[in-house]
Each structure stands twice: as structure tokens, then as C-alpha cells.
């Protein structure tokens, strides 16, 4: 069977939250605007225990990735920030043995559980620009312009799950 091409999180267009216009104190928001709250992407919603157990099993699958290095290489770091899931530090499979390593290496293939890859893919930052102006009646208005970007780019090398590539694409694009 031919090896599937790698997927790269940097190729995915990250969903963007809409701009928010905040009026002067005491004035109502325009229309039905509300500040949006991050929502989970897919997963278990409490309806079916079997689906929940399948979901837990899916996140324990092994996935091989390459974490791309920063172009800026600030401080010469060749590893990620601390990576953990539910307080448990990341573990890599090295020569058939599990090694606890919460600071994952960049620019080399590593095999770890999907739950840690999700932590990397969901790690995003909002770059915020605020514009302020006054209306004709003298009230000040603020517009918050948000641009969400990945904090680390990941390439998917191998995922044996038939749902793995689609999951990777979804996680790469998600805002939450």
C-alpha cells in the first residue's frame, strides 16, 4: 500500500472569529452581537456511552508527526513548550519504549498518542488589533480585530486510523 502524503497544519486555513464592535459604556451592542465563546470541535456529547468509549480509544491511537521549527528560532529552541493532556506530560515512543518528554523535539519524526497531537494542533494565539473612533454624537466605539494563528506547525507523517487525516484537518483549522 502506497504511503499517503504528509498533511501540514500550516497549509490549513484557521477559522477566524468575527470582529467585535464594542460601543461606549451604556450603549447597546449593534444588532445581536455577542462575544463568542470557544466551542469544542466534535467529540462526545453525553448521549451514547459506546461512542464515548470509542472516542477515548481514538485519542489513545499512535500518530507519527514532525513538529516544524520556528523560522525565527528565538533562543535557539529546538523543542516545544510544555505539552500535557489532563495534567499528564507527553510521552513519546522511542525504540519500543515510552519516554516521558513534555518538551517535544522539533524537526524529527516522533510517535506519540493522538491526544498530545491535539494539544499541539489546538495551540493557537489571537493577534488582536483594536481600533477606536468617535461617532457623530460624541460616543466612542471600539472594534476588536482578531487574527488567530497556530503557535506550532505540525506535519502528519503516519496515522493508521481511517478517520485520522480528516481529524487532523479539522483540528488544524479549529479556533478552539
N, C-alpha and C. Protein backbone atom coordinates (compact mmCIF):
# COMPACT_ATOMS: atom_id res chain seq x y z
N UNK A 1 0.85 -1.18 0.00
CA UNK A 1 0.00 0.00 0.00
C UNK A 1 0.89 1.24 0.00
N UNK A 2 0.61 2.16 -0.89
CA UNK A 2 1.41 3.38 -1.00
C UNK A 2 1.19 4.28 0.22
N UNK A 3 2.27 4.90 0.63
CA UNK A 3 2.21 5.79 1.78
C UNK A 3 1.50 7.08 1.38
N UNK A 4 0.55 7.52 2.20
CA UNK A 4 -0.17 8.75 1.90
C UNK A 4 0.73 9.95 2.11
N UNK A 5 0.53 11.03 1.33
CA UNK A 5 1.36 12.22 1.50
C UNK A 5 1.13 12.85 2.87
N UNK A 6 2.15 13.53 3.37
CA UNK A 6 2.04 14.20 4.65
C UNK A 6 1.03 15.33 4.58
N UNK A 7 0.35 15.56 5.69
CA UNK A 7 -0.51 16.74 5.84
C UNK A 7 0.24 17.72 6.71
N UNK A 8 0.06 19.02 6.45
CA UNK A 8 0.76 20.04 7.21
C UNK A 8 -0.26 21.01 7.80
N UNK A 9 -0.20 21.23 9.10
CA UNK A 9 -1.14 22.15 9.74
C UNK A 9 -0.98 23.56 9.20
N UNK A 10 0.21 23.92 8.72
CA UNK A 10 0.45 25.27 8.19
C UNK A 10 -0.34 25.50 6.90
N UNK A 11 -0.73 24.42 6.21
CA UNK A 11 -1.50 24.56 4.96
C UNK A 11 -2.98 24.81 5.21
N UNK A 12 -3.43 24.57 6.43
CA UNK A 12 -4.85 24.74 6.76
C UNK A 12 -5.17 26.20 7.05
N UNK A 13 -6.32 26.64 6.59
CA UNK A 13 -6.77 27.99 6.88
C UNK A 13 -7.50 27.95 8.22
N UNK A 14 -6.94 28.62 9.22
CA UNK A 14 -7.53 28.62 10.56
C UNK A 14 -8.79 29.47 10.54
N UNK A 15 -9.87 28.91 11.10
CA UNK A 15 -11.12 29.66 11.20
C UNK A 15 -10.86 30.94 11.97
N UNK A 16 -11.52 32.00 11.57
CA UNK A 16 -11.33 33.29 12.23
C UNK A 16 -12.63 33.73 12.89
N UNK A 17 -12.50 34.28 14.07
CA UNK A 17 -13.66 34.84 14.75
C UNK A 17 -13.97 36.18 14.10
N UNK A 18 -15.23 36.57 14.12
CA UNK A 18 -15.61 37.85 13.52
C UNK A 18 -15.15 39.00 14.41
N UNK A 19 -14.99 40.17 13.79
CA UNK A 19 -14.65 41.37 14.55
C UNK A 19 -15.80 41.71 15.48
N UNK A 20 -15.47 42.34 16.59
CA UNK A 20 -16.49 42.74 17.56
C UNK A 20 -16.41 44.25 17.70
N UNK A 21 -17.55 44.91 17.59
CA UNK A 21 -17.60 46.35 17.81
C UNK A 21 -18.25 46.58 19.17
N UNK A 22 -17.49 47.24 20.04
CA UNK A 22 -17.97 47.50 21.39
C UNK A 22 -18.30 48.97 21.51
N UNK A 23 -19.56 49.31 21.74
CA UNK A 23 -19.95 50.72 21.85
C UNK A 23 -19.56 51.31 23.20
N UNK A 24 -19.71 52.60 23.30
CA UNK A 24 -19.43 53.33 24.53
C UNK A 24 -20.25 52.73 25.67
N UNK A 25 -19.78 52.91 26.89
CA UNK A 25 -20.44 52.38 28.07
C UNK A 25 -21.91 52.82 28.10
N UNK A 26 -22.79 51.89 28.31
CA UNK A 26 -24.22 52.20 28.42
C UNK A 26 -24.97 52.08 27.11
N UNK A 27 -24.27 52.04 25.97
CA UNK A 27 -24.95 51.89 24.68
C UNK A 27 -25.09 50.41 24.35
N UNK A 28 -26.19 50.04 23.69
CA UNK A 28 -26.40 48.61 23.36
C UNK A 28 -25.45 48.17 22.25
N UNK A 29 -25.15 46.85 22.23
CA UNK A 29 -24.39 46.29 21.13
C UNK A 29 -25.21 46.38 19.86
N UNK A 30 -24.56 46.57 18.72
CA UNK A 30 -25.27 46.65 17.44
C UNK A 30 -25.86 45.29 17.10
N UNK A 31 -27.14 45.25 16.78
CA UNK A 31 -27.81 44.00 16.41
C UNK A 31 -27.78 42.99 17.53
N UNK A 32 -27.53 41.74 17.17
CA UNK A 32 -27.50 40.65 18.15
C UNK A 32 -26.07 40.24 18.48
N UNK A 33 -25.11 41.13 18.31
CA UNK A 33 -23.71 40.77 18.55
C UNK A 33 -23.49 40.33 19.98
N UNK A 34 -22.70 39.30 20.11
CA UNK A 34 -22.27 38.83 21.41
C UNK A 34 -20.83 38.38 21.25
N UNK A 35 -20.07 38.47 22.31
CA UNK A 35 -18.71 37.93 22.26
C UNK A 35 -18.85 36.42 22.20
N UNK A 36 -18.20 35.81 21.19
CA UNK A 36 -18.34 34.36 21.05
C UNK A 36 -17.37 33.65 21.98
N UNK A 37 -17.80 32.47 22.42
CA UNK A 37 -17.02 31.65 23.33
C UNK A 37 -16.57 30.43 22.55
N UNK A 38 -15.34 30.01 22.75
CA UNK A 38 -14.81 28.84 22.05
C UNK A 38 -15.69 27.62 22.34
N UNK A 39 -15.99 26.87 21.29
CA UNK A 39 -16.81 25.67 21.42
C UNK A 39 -15.96 24.46 21.08
N UNK A 40 -16.20 23.31 21.70
CA UNK A 40 -15.42 22.13 21.37
C UNK A 40 -15.69 21.67 19.94
N UNK A 41 -14.69 21.06 19.32
CA UNK A 41 -14.83 20.58 17.95
C UNK A 41 -15.15 19.10 18.00
N UNK A 42 -16.39 18.74 17.65
CA UNK A 42 -16.79 17.33 17.61
C UNK A 42 -16.71 16.68 18.98
N UNK A 43 -16.68 15.36 18.98
CA UNK A 43 -16.50 14.64 20.24
C UNK A 43 -17.78 14.18 20.87
N UNK A 44 -17.67 13.71 22.07
CA UNK A 44 -18.78 13.12 22.82
C UNK A 44 -19.67 14.20 23.42
N UNK A 45 -20.95 14.02 23.31
CA UNK A 45 -21.89 14.99 23.86
C UNK A 45 -22.77 14.38 24.95
N UNK A 46 -22.37 13.27 25.53
CA UNK A 46 -23.07 12.69 26.66
C UNK A 46 -24.26 11.83 26.31
N UNK A 47 -24.43 11.41 25.05
CA UNK A 47 -25.64 10.68 24.67
C UNK A 47 -25.43 9.18 24.56
N UNK A 48 -24.22 8.76 24.24
CA UNK A 48 -24.01 7.35 23.93
C UNK A 48 -22.69 6.89 24.52
N UNK A 49 -22.74 6.01 25.50
CA UNK A 49 -21.53 5.56 26.19
C UNK A 49 -20.57 4.86 25.23
N UNK A 50 -21.09 4.10 24.28
CA UNK A 50 -20.24 3.39 23.32
C UNK A 50 -19.43 4.39 22.48
N UNK A 51 -20.10 5.45 22.02
CA UNK A 51 -19.40 6.48 21.24
C UNK A 51 -18.32 7.15 22.09
N UNK A 52 -18.64 7.36 23.35
CA UNK A 52 -17.68 7.97 24.26
C UNK A 52 -16.44 7.09 24.40
N UNK A 53 -16.64 5.79 24.60
CA UNK A 53 -15.51 4.88 24.74
C UNK A 53 -14.71 4.78 23.44
N UNK A 54 -15.38 4.80 22.30
CA UNK A 54 -14.68 4.80 21.00
C UNK A 54 -13.85 6.08 20.86
N UNK A 55 -14.41 7.19 21.31
CA UNK A 55 -13.69 8.46 21.25
C UNK A 55 -12.44 8.41 22.13
N UNK A 56 -12.56 7.87 23.33
CA UNK A 56 -11.40 7.74 24.21
C UNK A 56 -10.34 6.86 23.57
N UNK A 57 -10.77 5.77 22.96
CA UNK A 57 -9.84 4.86 22.30
C UNK A 57 -9.14 5.55 21.13
N UNK A 58 -9.89 6.34 20.35
CA UNK A 58 -9.35 7.07 19.20
C UNK A 58 -8.22 8.00 19.64
N UNK A 59 -8.37 8.66 20.77
CA UNK A 59 -7.35 9.61 21.24
C UNK A 59 -6.14 8.91 21.85
N UNK A 60 -6.21 7.59 22.03
CA UNK A 60 -5.06 6.83 22.50
C UNK A 60 -4.27 6.22 21.34
N UNK A 61 -4.77 6.36 20.09
CA UNK A 61 -4.06 5.84 18.92
C UNK A 61 -2.69 6.48 18.79
N UNK A 62 -1.76 5.73 18.19
CA UNK A 62 -0.43 6.26 17.91
C UNK A 62 -0.43 7.03 16.60
N UNK A 63 0.25 8.17 16.60
CA UNK A 63 0.34 9.03 15.43
C UNK A 63 1.81 9.46 15.30
N UNK A 64 2.32 9.46 14.08
CA UNK A 64 3.69 9.92 13.84
C UNK A 64 3.63 11.29 13.19
N UNK A 65 4.36 12.23 13.77
CA UNK A 65 4.35 13.62 13.30
C UNK A 65 5.77 14.17 13.23
N UNK A 66 5.87 15.33 12.59
CA UNK A 66 7.08 16.15 12.66
C UNK A 66 6.62 17.53 13.09
N UNK A 67 7.20 18.06 14.14
CA UNK A 67 6.89 19.42 14.58
C UNK A 67 7.88 20.33 13.89
N UNK A 68 7.36 21.24 13.08
CA UNK A 68 8.23 22.13 12.30
C UNK A 68 8.88 23.16 13.22
N UNK A 69 10.11 23.50 12.93
CA UNK A 69 10.83 24.50 13.71
C UNK A 69 10.35 25.90 13.36
N UNK A 70 10.58 26.83 14.28
CA UNK A 70 10.22 28.23 14.03
C UNK A 70 11.21 28.83 13.05
N UNK A 71 10.70 29.68 12.17
CA UNK A 71 11.60 30.38 11.25
C UNK A 71 12.43 31.39 12.03
N UNK A 72 11.87 31.90 13.13
CA UNK A 72 12.60 32.89 13.92
C UNK A 72 13.65 32.23 14.81
N UNK A 73 13.39 30.97 15.22
CA UNK A 73 14.28 30.22 16.10
C UNK A 73 14.70 31.05 17.31
N UNK A 74 13.74 31.68 17.95
CA UNK A 74 14.01 32.53 19.11
C UNK A 74 14.67 31.71 20.21
N UNK A 75 15.80 32.17 20.64
CA UNK A 75 16.51 31.49 21.73
C UNK A 75 17.12 30.16 21.33
N UNK A 76 17.08 29.82 20.04
CA UNK A 76 17.68 28.57 19.58
C UNK A 76 16.97 27.33 20.08
N UNK A 77 15.69 27.46 20.44
CA UNK A 77 14.96 26.31 21.00
C UNK A 77 14.64 25.29 19.91
N UNK A 78 14.97 24.07 20.19
CA UNK A 78 14.64 23.01 19.24
C UNK A 78 13.61 22.05 19.82
N UNK A 79 12.78 22.58 20.74
CA UNK A 79 11.71 21.78 21.33
C UNK A 79 10.49 22.69 21.55
N UNK A 80 9.36 22.07 21.83
CA UNK A 80 8.12 22.81 22.06
C UNK A 80 8.08 23.34 23.49
N UNK A 81 7.05 24.12 23.79
CA UNK A 81 6.75 24.44 25.18
C UNK A 81 6.22 23.16 25.83
N UNK A 82 5.98 23.20 27.12
CA UNK A 82 5.49 22.06 27.88
C UNK A 82 4.17 21.54 27.28
N UNK A 83 4.11 20.26 26.96
CA UNK A 83 2.91 19.65 26.37
C UNK A 83 2.38 18.59 27.34
N UNK A 84 1.10 18.72 27.70
CA UNK A 84 0.46 17.75 28.59
C UNK A 84 -1.02 17.65 28.23
N UNK A 85 -1.64 16.56 28.62
CA UNK A 85 -3.08 16.36 28.43
C UNK A 85 -3.65 15.93 29.77
N UNK A 86 -4.60 16.70 30.28
CA UNK A 86 -5.20 16.46 31.60
C UNK A 86 -4.13 16.37 32.69
N UNK A 87 -3.10 17.19 32.57
CA UNK A 87 -2.04 17.24 33.56
C UNK A 87 -0.96 16.19 33.41
N UNK A 88 -1.13 15.27 32.45
CA UNK A 88 -0.14 14.20 32.25
C UNK A 88 0.82 14.65 31.13
N UNK A 89 2.13 14.73 31.43
CA UNK A 89 3.09 15.16 30.41
C UNK A 89 3.11 14.22 29.21
N UNK A 90 3.46 14.77 28.05
CA UNK A 90 3.52 13.98 26.81
C UNK A 90 4.53 12.85 26.94
N UNK A 91 4.22 11.77 26.24
CA UNK A 91 5.11 10.61 26.20
C UNK A 91 5.33 10.25 24.74
N UNK A 92 6.59 9.97 24.38
CA UNK A 92 6.94 9.57 23.02
C UNK A 92 7.35 8.10 23.02
N UNK A 93 7.09 7.45 21.90
CA UNK A 93 7.53 6.07 21.72
C UNK A 93 8.89 6.11 21.05
N UNK A 94 9.93 5.68 21.77
CA UNK A 94 11.30 5.69 21.25
C UNK A 94 11.88 4.28 21.39
N UNK A 95 12.24 3.68 20.26
CA UNK A 95 12.81 2.33 20.24
C UNK A 95 11.95 1.33 21.03
N UNK A 96 10.64 1.43 20.87
CA UNK A 96 9.72 0.49 21.51
C UNK A 96 9.45 0.76 22.98
N UNK A 97 9.97 1.86 23.52
CA UNK A 97 9.76 2.20 24.93
C UNK A 97 9.14 3.58 25.03
N UNK A 98 8.27 3.76 26.03
CA UNK A 98 7.65 5.06 26.26
C UNK A 98 8.58 5.94 27.09
N UNK A 99 8.83 7.13 26.60
CA UNK A 99 9.67 8.11 27.28
C UNK A 99 8.81 9.32 27.62
N UNK A 100 8.76 9.71 28.87
CA UNK A 100 8.03 10.92 29.26
C UNK A 100 8.87 12.13 28.87
N UNK A 101 8.35 12.92 27.96
CA UNK A 101 9.08 14.09 27.46
C UNK A 101 8.08 15.19 27.11
N UNK A 102 7.77 16.07 28.07
CA UNK A 102 6.79 17.12 27.81
C UNK A 102 7.30 18.22 26.88
N UNK A 103 8.62 18.30 26.67
CA UNK A 103 9.20 19.27 25.74
C UNK A 103 9.57 18.50 24.48
N UNK A 104 8.64 18.44 23.53
CA UNK A 104 8.80 17.58 22.35
C UNK A 104 9.81 18.16 21.36
N UNK A 105 10.64 17.30 20.77
CA UNK A 105 11.66 17.78 19.84
C UNK A 105 11.04 18.22 18.51
N UNK A 106 11.69 19.20 17.89
CA UNK A 106 11.25 19.69 16.57
C UNK A 106 12.15 19.10 15.48
N UNK A 107 11.64 19.10 14.27
CA UNK A 107 12.37 18.73 13.05
C UNK A 107 12.79 17.26 13.00
N UNK A 108 12.07 16.39 13.68
CA UNK A 108 12.31 14.96 13.54
C UNK A 108 11.01 14.21 13.76
N UNK A 109 10.92 13.03 13.18
CA UNK A 109 9.72 12.23 13.34
C UNK A 109 9.62 11.74 14.78
N UNK A 110 8.42 11.90 15.35
CA UNK A 110 8.16 11.37 16.69
C UNK A 110 6.81 10.67 16.67
N UNK A 111 6.69 9.64 17.47
CA UNK A 111 5.43 8.90 17.59
C UNK A 111 4.90 9.11 19.00
N UNK A 112 3.65 9.55 19.06
CA UNK A 112 3.00 9.78 20.35
C UNK A 112 1.51 9.56 20.20
N UNK A 113 0.81 9.63 21.29
CA UNK A 113 -0.64 9.41 21.25
C UNK A 113 -1.35 10.64 20.68
N UNK A 114 -2.47 10.38 20.01
CA UNK A 114 -3.23 11.43 19.33
C UNK A 114 -3.61 12.58 20.27
N UNK A 115 -3.90 12.27 21.53
CA UNK A 115 -4.34 13.31 22.46
C UNK A 115 -3.28 14.41 22.60
N UNK A 116 -1.99 14.05 22.51
CA UNK A 116 -0.94 15.06 22.61
C UNK A 116 -0.81 15.85 21.30
N UNK A 117 -1.07 15.19 20.19
CA UNK A 117 -1.06 15.89 18.90
C UNK A 117 -2.19 16.92 18.89
N UNK A 118 -3.34 16.56 19.46
CA UNK A 118 -4.44 17.52 19.52
C UNK A 118 -4.05 18.76 20.33
N UNK A 119 -3.32 18.56 21.42
CA UNK A 119 -2.87 19.70 22.22
C UNK A 119 -2.03 20.64 21.35
N UNK A 120 -1.13 20.07 20.55
CA UNK A 120 -0.29 20.88 19.66
C UNK A 120 -1.12 21.60 18.61
N UNK A 121 -2.08 20.88 17.99
CA UNK A 121 -2.88 21.47 16.91
C UNK A 121 -3.84 22.55 17.42
N UNK A 122 -4.32 22.41 18.64
CA UNK A 122 -5.24 23.40 19.20
C UNK A 122 -4.51 24.60 19.81
N UNK A 123 -3.20 24.51 19.89
CA UNK A 123 -2.43 25.60 20.48
C UNK A 123 -2.34 26.75 19.48
N UNK A 124 -3.15 27.74 19.73
CA UNK A 124 -3.24 28.90 18.83
C UNK A 124 -3.18 30.18 19.65
N UNK A 125 -2.91 31.27 19.00
CA UNK A 125 -2.87 32.56 19.67
C UNK A 125 -3.68 33.56 18.84
N UNK A 126 -4.36 34.46 19.52
CA UNK A 126 -5.10 35.52 18.84
C UNK A 126 -4.23 36.77 18.82
N UNK A 127 -4.01 37.29 17.63
CA UNK A 127 -3.33 38.57 17.48
C UNK A 127 -4.45 39.61 17.39
N UNK A 128 -4.45 40.53 18.33
CA UNK A 128 -5.58 41.46 18.44
C UNK A 128 -5.14 42.87 18.12
N UNK A 129 -5.93 43.52 17.27
CA UNK A 129 -5.73 44.93 16.97
C UNK A 129 -7.03 45.63 17.35
N UNK A 130 -6.91 46.74 18.03
CA UNK A 130 -8.10 47.48 18.46
C UNK A 130 -8.15 48.83 17.75
N UNK A 131 -9.28 49.13 17.17
CA UNK A 131 -9.49 50.43 16.52
C UNK A 131 -10.52 51.19 17.35
N UNK A 132 -10.26 52.46 17.59
CA UNK A 132 -11.17 53.30 18.36
C UNK A 132 -11.55 54.52 17.53
N UNK A 133 -12.82 54.91 17.60
CA UNK A 133 -13.28 56.12 16.91
C UNK A 133 -14.46 56.71 17.64
N UNK A 134 -14.78 57.93 17.29
CA UNK A 134 -15.94 58.58 17.90
C UNK A 134 -17.04 58.70 16.86
N UNK A 135 -18.27 58.48 17.32
CA UNK A 135 -19.42 58.63 16.43
C UNK A 135 -19.76 60.11 16.32
N UNK A 136 -20.67 60.43 15.42
CA UNK A 136 -21.05 61.83 15.21
C UNK A 136 -21.70 62.44 16.44
N UNK A 137 -22.29 61.59 17.31
CA UNK A 137 -22.92 62.13 18.52
C UNK A 137 -21.96 62.11 19.73
N UNK A 138 -20.66 61.88 19.48
CA UNK A 138 -19.66 62.01 20.52
C UNK A 138 -19.37 60.78 21.34
N UNK A 139 -19.98 59.64 21.04
CA UNK A 139 -19.70 58.39 21.77
C UNK A 139 -18.49 57.69 21.14
N UNK A 140 -17.67 57.09 21.99
CA UNK A 140 -16.53 56.36 21.45
C UNK A 140 -16.93 54.91 21.16
N UNK A 141 -16.32 54.36 20.12
CA UNK A 141 -16.57 52.98 19.71
C UNK A 141 -15.22 52.27 19.62
N UNK A 142 -15.23 50.99 19.91
CA UNK A 142 -14.02 50.16 19.80
C UNK A 142 -14.33 48.99 18.90
N UNK A 143 -13.40 48.67 18.00
CA UNK A 143 -13.53 47.47 17.18
C UNK A 143 -12.34 46.58 17.48
N UNK A 144 -12.64 45.34 17.82
CA UNK A 144 -11.59 44.36 18.10
C UNK A 144 -11.44 43.47 16.88
N UNK A 145 -10.27 43.53 16.27
CA UNK A 145 -9.96 42.73 15.08
C UNK A 145 -9.05 41.60 15.52
N UNK A 146 -9.53 40.34 15.41
CA UNK A 146 -8.78 39.19 15.88
C UNK A 146 -8.27 38.36 14.71
N UNK A 147 -7.03 37.95 14.78
CA UNK A 147 -6.45 37.05 13.79
C UNK A 147 -5.86 35.87 14.55
N UNK A 148 -6.40 34.69 14.35
CA UNK A 148 -5.96 33.50 15.06
C UNK A 148 -4.92 32.76 14.23
N UNK A 149 -3.79 32.42 14.85
CA UNK A 149 -2.71 31.70 14.15
C UNK A 149 -2.22 30.54 15.01
N UNK A 150 -1.66 29.52 14.35
CA UNK A 150 -1.08 28.38 15.06
C UNK A 150 0.17 28.81 15.81
N UNK A 151 0.39 28.25 16.98
CA UNK A 151 1.63 28.53 17.69
C UNK A 151 2.72 27.53 17.31
N UNK A 152 2.31 26.42 16.69
CA UNK A 152 3.31 25.46 16.24
C UNK A 152 2.73 24.72 15.04
N UNK A 153 3.56 24.50 14.04
CA UNK A 153 3.11 23.81 12.84
C UNK A 153 3.55 22.35 12.89
N UNK A 154 2.61 21.48 12.56
CA UNK A 154 2.81 20.04 12.69
C UNK A 154 2.55 19.38 11.34
N UNK A 155 3.39 18.43 10.97
CA UNK A 155 3.16 17.62 9.77
C UNK A 155 2.78 16.21 10.20
N UNK A 156 1.70 15.71 9.62
CA UNK A 156 1.25 14.35 9.92
C UNK A 156 1.98 13.40 8.98
N UNK A 157 2.78 12.50 9.54
CA UNK A 157 3.55 11.55 8.76
C UNK A 157 2.78 10.25 8.60
N UNK A 158 2.24 9.74 9.74
CA UNK A 158 1.51 8.48 9.68
C UNK A 158 0.40 8.45 10.72
N UNK A 159 -0.77 8.04 10.26
CA UNK A 159 -1.92 7.86 11.14
C UNK A 159 -2.70 6.69 10.56
N UNK A 160 -2.75 5.58 11.27
CA UNK A 160 -3.37 4.37 10.75
C UNK A 160 -4.89 4.37 10.83
N UNK A 161 -5.46 5.32 11.55
CA UNK A 161 -6.91 5.38 11.67
C UNK A 161 -7.53 5.88 10.36
N UNK A 162 -8.64 5.27 9.93
CA UNK A 162 -9.30 5.76 8.72
C UNK A 162 -9.88 7.17 8.90
N UNK A 163 -10.03 7.60 10.14
CA UNK A 163 -10.58 8.93 10.42
C UNK A 163 -9.49 9.95 10.75
N UNK A 164 -8.25 9.47 10.82
CA UNK A 164 -7.16 10.31 11.30
C UNK A 164 -6.85 11.54 10.47
N UNK A 165 -6.84 11.40 9.14
CA UNK A 165 -6.48 12.53 8.29
C UNK A 165 -7.56 13.62 8.35
N UNK A 166 -8.82 13.21 8.36
CA UNK A 166 -9.90 14.20 8.47
C UNK A 166 -9.86 14.88 9.83
N UNK A 167 -9.60 14.11 10.88
CA UNK A 167 -9.46 14.67 12.22
C UNK A 167 -8.34 15.71 12.24
N UNK A 168 -7.19 15.38 11.61
CA UNK A 168 -6.05 16.29 11.57
C UNK A 168 -6.42 17.60 10.86
N UNK A 169 -7.13 17.49 9.75
CA UNK A 169 -7.56 18.70 9.01
C UNK A 169 -8.48 19.57 9.89
N UNK A 170 -9.44 18.94 10.56
CA UNK A 170 -10.37 19.68 11.42
C UNK A 170 -9.65 20.38 12.56
N UNK A 171 -8.75 19.67 13.23
CA UNK A 171 -8.01 20.26 14.35
C UNK A 171 -7.10 21.39 13.89
N UNK A 172 -6.54 21.26 12.69
CA UNK A 172 -5.65 22.31 12.17
C UNK A 172 -6.41 23.61 11.91
N UNK A 173 -7.69 23.49 11.56
CA UNK A 173 -8.50 24.67 11.23
C UNK A 173 -9.27 25.24 12.41
N UNK A 174 -9.44 24.46 13.47
CA UNK A 174 -10.33 24.88 14.56
C UNK A 174 -9.77 26.08 15.32
N UNK A 175 -10.67 26.90 15.79
CA UNK A 175 -10.29 28.10 16.56
C UNK A 175 -10.10 27.74 18.02
N UNK A 176 -10.90 26.83 18.52
CA UNK A 176 -10.85 26.48 19.97
C UNK A 176 -9.57 25.81 20.35
